C-alpha atoms as a PDB file:
ATOM      1  CA  MET A   1      11.660   6.475  -2.246  1.00  0.00           C
ATOM      2  CA  VAL A   2      12.715   2.857  -2.607  1.00  0.00           C
ATOM      3  CA  ALA A   3      11.411   0.215  -0.206  1.00  0.00           C
ATOM      4  CA  LYS A   4      12.313  -3.462  -0.031  1.00  0.00           C
ATOM      5  CA  GLU A   5       8.593  -4.183   0.105  1.00  0.00           C
ATOM      6  CA  ILE A   6       5.442  -2.139   0.557  1.00  0.00           C
ATOM      7  CA  SER A   7       4.920  -3.441   4.086  1.00  0.00           C
ATOM      8  CA  ARG A   8       8.245  -1.836   5.072  1.00  0.00           C
ATOM      9  CA  ALA A   9       6.903   1.574   4.075  1.00  0.00           C
ATOM     10  CA  SER A  10       3.542   1.158   5.812  1.00  0.00           C
ATOM     11  CA  LEU A  11       1.142  -1.528   7.016  1.00  0.00           C
ATOM     12  CA  ASP A  12      -1.951   0.572   6.362  1.00  0.00           C
ATOM     13  CA  VAL A  13      -3.583   1.071   2.959  1.00  0.00           C
ATOM     14  CA  MET A  14      -4.513   4.697   3.560  1.00  0.00           C
ATOM     15  CA  ASP A  15      -1.052   5.528   4.914  1.00  0.00           C
ATOM     16  CA  ILE A  16       0.722   4.082   1.883  1.00  0.00           C
ATOM     17  CA  LEU A  17      -1.557   6.009  -0.487  1.00  0.00           C
ATOM     18  CA  GLU A  18      -0.937   9.221   1.439  1.00  0.00           C
ATOM     19  CA  LEU A  19       2.806   8.535   1.415  1.00  0.00           C
ATOM     20  CA  LYS A  20       2.836   7.851  -2.342  1.00  0.00           C
ATOM     21  CA  ARG A  21       0.856  11.018  -3.065  1.00  0.00           C
ATOM     22  CA  GLU A  22       3.060  13.140  -0.804  1.00  0.00           C
ATOM     23  CA  ILE A  23       6.181  11.792  -2.504  1.00  0.00           C
ATOM     24  CA  ALA A  24       4.600  12.548  -5.905  1.00  0.00           C
ATOM     25  CA  SER A  25       3.815  16.114  -4.797  1.00  0.00           C
ATOM     26  CA  TYR A  26       7.571  16.667  -4.524  1.00  0.00           C
ATOM     27  CA  GLY A  27       8.075  15.273  -8.019  1.00  0.00           C
ATOM     28  CA  ASP A  28       9.585  12.053  -6.721  1.00  0.00           C
ATOM     29  CA  PHE A  29       8.470   8.453  -7.044  1.00  0.00           C
ATOM     30  CA  PHE A  30       7.870   5.314  -4.977  1.00  0.00           C
ATOM     31  CA  ILE A  31       9.380   1.923  -5.797  1.00  0.00           C
ATOM     32  CA  SER A  32       8.813  -1.407  -4.067  1.00  0.00           C
ATOM     33  CA  ILE A  33      11.394  -4.017  -4.985  1.00  0.00           C
ATOM     34  CA  LYS A  34       9.523  -7.160  -3.860  1.00  0.00           C
ATOM     35  CA  GLU A  35       6.264  -6.265  -5.603  1.00  0.00           C
ATOM     36  CA  SER A  36       7.993  -4.693  -8.619  1.00  0.00           C
ATOM     37  CA  TYR A  37       5.858  -1.589  -8.147  1.00  0.00           C
ATOM     38  CA  ASP A  38       7.176   1.633  -9.659  1.00  0.00           C
ATOM     39  CA  SER A  39       5.007   4.751  -9.474  1.00  0.00           C
ATOM     40  CA  ARG A  40       6.871   6.181 -12.480  1.00  0.00           C
ATOM     41  CA  THR A  41       5.356   3.520 -14.745  1.00  0.00           C
ATOM     42  CA  ASP A  42       2.340   2.250 -12.780  1.00  0.00           C
ATOM     43  CA  ASP A  43      -0.082   5.160 -13.054  1.00  0.00           C
ATOM     44  CA  ASP A  44      -2.951   3.094 -11.699  1.00  0.00           C
ATOM     45  CA  GLU A  45      -3.018   3.101  -7.890  1.00  0.00           C
ATOM     46  CA  PHE A  46      -4.934  -0.191  -7.915  1.00  0.00           C
ATOM     47  CA  LEU A  47      -1.740  -2.267  -7.724  1.00  0.00           C
ATOM     48  CA  LEU A  48      -0.427  -0.235  -4.827  1.00  0.00           C
ATOM     49  CA  ILE A  49      -3.752  -0.552  -2.989  1.00  0.00           C
ATOM     50  CA  PHE A  50      -3.826  -4.303  -3.670  1.00  0.00           C
ATOM     51  CA  TYR A  51      -0.315  -4.916  -2.349  1.00  0.00           C
ATOM     52  CA  ALA A  52      -0.884  -2.639   0.646  1.00  0.00           C
ATOM     53  CA  ALA A  53      -4.138  -4.452   1.470  1.00  0.00           C
ATOM     54  CA  LEU A  54      -2.313  -7.791   1.393  1.00  0.00           C
ATOM     55  CA  ALA A  55       0.336  -6.446   3.764  1.00  0.00           C
ATOM     56  CA  GLN A  56      -2.351  -5.041   6.067  1.00  0.00           C
ATOM     57  CA  LYS A  57      -4.172  -8.407   6.090  1.00  0.00           C
ATOM     58  CA  GLU A  58      -0.967 -10.315   6.861  1.00  0.00           C
ATOM     59  CA  ARG A  59      -0.266  -7.995   9.785  1.00  0.00           C
ATOM     60  CA  SER A  60      -3.810  -8.474  11.063  1.00  0.00           C
ATOM     61  CA  LYS A  61      -3.420 -12.258  10.878  1.00  0.00           C
ATOM     62  CA  LEU A  62      -0.151 -12.098  12.816  1.00  0.00           C
ATOM     63  CA  LEU A  63      -1.716  -9.957  15.528  1.00  0.00           C
ATOM     64  CA  ASP A  64      -4.629 -12.382  15.879  1.00  0.00           C
ATOM     65  CA  TRP A  65      -2.293 -15.329  16.204  1.00  0.00           C
END
């Protein structure tokens, strides 16, 4: 799966992790263009969690505004 940015795939950290793991279970991969994240080369989920948390925080700030 290729997404323009992680926030386009999901705005929730747990959802994006579940999505990435489900995609991996089919032998496929997840790529985010904006964040340059590629699950084929980035084995550590920390980067994905970090970017997803930033997207979740931005959404929260917009809702509070």
